[in-house]
Protein backbone atom coordinates (compact mmCIF):
# COMPACT_ATOMS: atom_id res chain seq x y z
CA UNK A 1 -71.28 19.77 -12.40
CA UNK A 2 -72.34 18.41 -15.80
CA UNK A 3 -71.69 14.89 -17.05
CA UNK A 4 -69.04 15.96 -19.58
CA UNK A 5 -66.98 17.82 -16.95
CA UNK A 6 -67.24 14.83 -14.58
CA UNK A 7 -66.12 12.47 -17.33
CA UNK A 8 -63.10 14.70 -18.21
CA UNK A 9 -62.06 14.81 -14.57
CA UNK A 10 -62.30 10.99 -14.31
CA UNK A 11 -60.16 10.61 -17.44
CA UNK A 12 -57.54 13.05 -16.04
CA UNK A 13 -57.39 11.22 -12.69
CA UNK A 14 -57.09 7.87 -14.49
CA UNK A 15 -54.25 9.18 -16.64
CA UNK A 16 -52.38 10.48 -13.55
CA UNK A 17 -52.85 7.19 -11.64
CA UNK A 18 -51.74 5.22 -14.71
CA UNK A 19 -48.65 7.38 -15.10
CA UNK A 20 -47.71 6.88 -11.43
CA UNK A 21 -48.23 3.11 -11.66
CA UNK A 22 -46.14 2.87 -14.85
CA UNK A 23 -43.34 5.07 -13.44
CA UNK A 24 -43.15 2.97 -10.26
CA UNK A 25 -43.24 -0.30 -12.15
CA UNK A 26 -40.55 -2.97 -12.14
CA UNK A 27 -37.34 -1.43 -13.38
CA UNK A 28 -34.07 -3.24 -13.51
CA UNK A 29 -32.09 -0.39 -11.97
CA UNK A 30 -28.88 -1.18 -10.19
CA UNK A 31 -27.35 1.09 -7.56
CA UNK A 32 -24.08 2.65 -8.64
CA UNK A 33 -21.07 1.02 -6.99
CA UNK A 34 -18.99 3.09 -4.59
CA UNK A 35 -16.12 4.58 -6.56
CA UNK A 36 -12.69 5.90 -5.59
CA UNK A 37 -10.75 8.79 -7.06
CA UNK A 38 -8.65 8.07 -10.11
CA UNK A 39 -4.94 8.21 -9.29
CA UNK A 40 -2.34 9.27 -11.83
CA UNK A 41 1.03 7.62 -11.30
CA UNK A 42 4.38 8.88 -12.60
CA UNK A 43 6.48 6.86 -14.99
CA UNK A 44 8.79 4.39 -13.26
CA UNK A 45 12.34 5.74 -12.98
CA UNK A 46 15.08 5.13 -10.42
CA UNK A 47 18.33 6.53 -9.06
CA UNK A 48 20.98 4.94 -6.86
CA UNK A 49 21.01 5.56 -3.12
CA UNK A 50 24.62 6.10 -2.10
CA UNK A 51 25.80 7.27 1.31
CA UNK A 52 28.18 6.28 4.09
CA UNK A 53 25.91 3.31 4.82
CA UNK A 54 27.30 -0.12 3.85
CA UNK A 55 24.84 -0.66 1.01
CA UNK A 56 23.42 0.86 -2.17
CA UNK A 57 20.10 0.30 -3.90
CA UNK A 58 17.82 1.85 -6.50
CA UNK A 59 14.94 4.00 -5.28
CA UNK A 60 12.23 5.89 -7.21
CA UNK A 61 12.99 9.40 -8.48
CA UNK A 62 9.57 10.52 -7.23
CA UNK A 63 10.64 9.71 -3.66
CA UNK A 64 12.82 11.74 -1.32
CA UNK A 65 15.20 10.24 1.24
CA UNK A 66 15.08 11.94 4.63
CA UNK A 67 16.81 11.01 7.90
CA UNK A 68 14.60 9.39 10.53
CA UNK A 69 13.55 12.28 12.78
CA UNK A 70 13.63 10.16 15.94
CA UNK A 71 17.24 9.00 15.24
CA UNK A 72 19.10 11.98 13.73
CA UNK A 73 22.46 10.58 14.89
CA UNK A 74 21.98 7.30 12.94
CA UNK A 75 22.36 8.04 9.21
CA UNK A 76 21.43 4.50 8.17
CA UNK A 77 17.95 4.89 9.65
CA UNK A 78 16.02 6.88 7.07
CA UNK A 79 12.69 7.29 5.30
CA UNK A 80 11.81 7.29 1.63
CA UNK A 81 8.97 9.81 1.50
CA UNK A 82 6.37 10.14 -1.28
CA UNK A 83 4.47 13.34 -0.37
CA UNK A 84 2.14 13.19 -3.38
CA UNK A 85 0.78 9.85 -2.12
CA UNK A 86 1.00 10.48 1.64
CA UNK A 87 3.22 7.43 1.97
CA UNK A 88 6.60 6.56 3.46
CA UNK A 89 8.92 3.58 3.40
CA UNK A 90 10.71 3.48 6.78
CA UNK A 91 14.16 1.88 6.53
CA UNK A 92 16.10 0.59 9.56
CA UNK A 93 19.64 -0.79 9.33
CA UNK A 94 21.31 -3.05 11.91
CA UNK A 95 24.77 -4.53 11.86
CA UNK A 96 24.76 -8.25 12.61
CA UNK A 97 26.98 -9.56 15.41
CA UNK A 98 26.05 -13.26 15.39
CA UNK A 99 22.48 -12.22 16.26
CA UNK A 100 20.67 -12.59 12.93
CA UNK A 101 18.20 -14.98 14.56
CA UNK A 102 17.17 -12.20 16.99
CA UNK A 103 16.45 -9.79 14.12
CA UNK A 104 14.52 -12.44 12.20
CA UNK A 105 12.46 -13.30 15.27
CA UNK A 106 11.74 -9.61 15.93
CA UNK A 107 10.70 -9.17 12.32
CA UNK A 108 8.40 -12.20 12.41
CA UNK A 109 6.83 -11.05 15.70
CA UNK A 110 6.26 -7.55 14.38
CA UNK A 111 4.56 -8.75 11.20
CA UNK A 112 2.49 -11.61 12.58
CA UNK A 113 1.63 -10.34 16.05
CA UNK A 114 1.39 -6.57 15.65
CA UNK A 115 0.79 -5.51 12.05
CA UNK A 116 -1.41 -8.44 11.06
CA UNK A 117 -3.94 -8.01 13.90
CA UNK A 118 -6.28 -6.16 11.52
CA UNK A 119 -5.17 -8.05 8.41
CA UNK A 120 -7.14 -10.59 6.44
CA UNK A 121 -4.01 -12.45 5.35
CA UNK A 122 -0.21 -12.25 5.26
CA UNK A 123 1.56 -13.51 2.14
CA UNK A 124 5.36 -13.90 2.47
CA UNK A 125 7.54 -13.89 -0.67
CA UNK A 126 11.24 -14.77 -0.54
CA UNK A 127 14.08 -13.57 -2.74
CA UNK A 128 17.63 -14.92 -2.90
CA UNK A 129 20.65 -13.87 -4.93
CA UNK A 130 23.55 -16.03 -3.78
CA UNK A 131 26.09 -14.21 -5.98
CA UNK A 132 25.46 -10.80 -4.41
CA UNK A 133 24.46 -12.33 -1.05
CA UNK A 134 21.08 -10.61 -1.02
CA UNK A 135 18.35 -12.52 0.80
CA UNK A 136 14.96 -10.98 1.43
CA UNK A 137 11.41 -11.66 2.47
CA UNK A 138 8.51 -9.38 1.54
CA UNK A 139 5.23 -9.65 3.44
CA UNK A 140 2.14 -8.54 1.52
CA UNK A 141 -0.45 -7.79 4.19
CA UNK A 142 -4.04 -7.91 2.93
CA UNK A 143 -6.83 -6.00 4.66
CA UNK A 144 -6.96 -2.79 6.65
CA UNK A 145 -3.64 -3.18 8.45
CA UNK A 146 -1.52 -0.17 9.37
CA UNK A 147 1.22 -1.25 6.94
CA UNK A 148 0.38 -3.18 3.75
CA UNK A 149 3.99 -4.15 2.92
CA UNK A 150 6.82 -5.15 5.28
CA UNK A 151 10.18 -6.55 4.21
CA UNK A 152 13.73 -7.28 5.26
CA UNK A 153 16.99 -7.63 3.34
CA UNK A 154 20.15 -9.27 4.68
CA UNK A 155 23.44 -10.79 3.60
CA UNK A 156 22.99 -13.27 6.51
CA UNK A 157 26.41 -12.37 7.95
CA UNK A 158 26.88 -8.65 8.64
CA UNK A 159 23.90 -6.61 7.44
CA UNK A 160 20.16 -6.52 8.17
CA UNK A 161 17.65 -3.96 6.91
CA UNK A 162 13.94 -3.71 7.67
CA UNK A 163 11.52 -1.76 5.51
CA UNK A 164 7.89 -0.83 6.13
CA UNK A 165 5.43 0.93 3.84
CA UNK A 166 2.98 3.21 5.66
CA UNK A 167 0.33 5.69 4.55
CA UNK A 168 -0.60 8.75 6.57
CA UNK A 169 -4.31 8.11 5.98
CA UNK A 170 -6.83 5.76 7.58
CA UNK A 171 -6.16 2.21 6.30
CA UNK A 172 -8.66 1.22 3.60
CA UNK A 173 -7.23 -1.61 1.54
CA UNK A 174 -9.76 -1.30 -1.29
CA UNK A 175 -9.09 2.39 -1.95
CA UNK A 176 -5.31 2.09 -1.41
CA UNK A 177 -4.88 -1.07 -3.50
CA UNK A 178 -3.70 0.73 -6.69
CA UNK A 179 -1.16 2.79 -4.73
CA UNK A 180 0.03 -0.27 -2.78
CA UNK A 181 0.52 -2.14 -6.07
CA UNK A 182 2.45 0.80 -7.52
CA UNK A 183 4.87 1.01 -4.56
CA UNK A 184 5.13 -2.77 -4.27
CA UNK A 185 6.92 -2.78 -7.64
CA UNK A 186 9.32 -0.14 -6.34
CA UNK A 187 10.08 -2.26 -3.27
CA UNK A 188 10.84 -5.23 -5.54
CA UNK A 189 13.25 -3.05 -7.55
CA UNK A 190 14.92 -1.84 -4.35
CA UNK A 191 15.51 -5.39 -3.15
CA UNK A 192 16.73 -6.69 -6.51
CA UNK A 193 19.23 -3.81 -6.81
CA UNK A 194 20.78 -4.12 -3.31
CA UNK A 195 24.56 -4.25 -3.14
CA UNK A 196 26.64 -4.51 0.03
CA UNK A 197 29.82 -2.65 0.86
CA UNK A 198 32.14 -4.76 2.99
């Protein structure tokens, strides 16, 4: 091999090594954050729930009210189903017979001892309308709990209703947060529009 050929080969090897060193140099690259699918929400719109039950309230037009399958003989136990979001608000009605404290205790136990076992925090929010006798508490449950929102509505004398938002997917608070926020506004509207029939 002549000197010129050897020199050309050395130059080629040097160029390749230099290119590798430069390409592996210090770059300020950041890994891409984990992303979730974009969710398109419908425009907020409501209709009045009216039935033989002793109450009315506004519920979203993009929801469908179905009787609770495990209590077909109790029309005031029903579900508000949102198939597009794999979510359901389960509604349970009880008539009060001087046992409001029992229902409140059951509600507290359910939220703080069962639902919140996998929660990071529980934030209660109260609502009171003394004119319409509508008193409510909404529990926002942070973290990967089975139900991110629980609530009850009562007139404190005759009527008590529990509501629970559930998703038929594995709980992942970060990915569900936009959907939870969307339905949380609907739950607020439901509570603020409650009217009792005596």
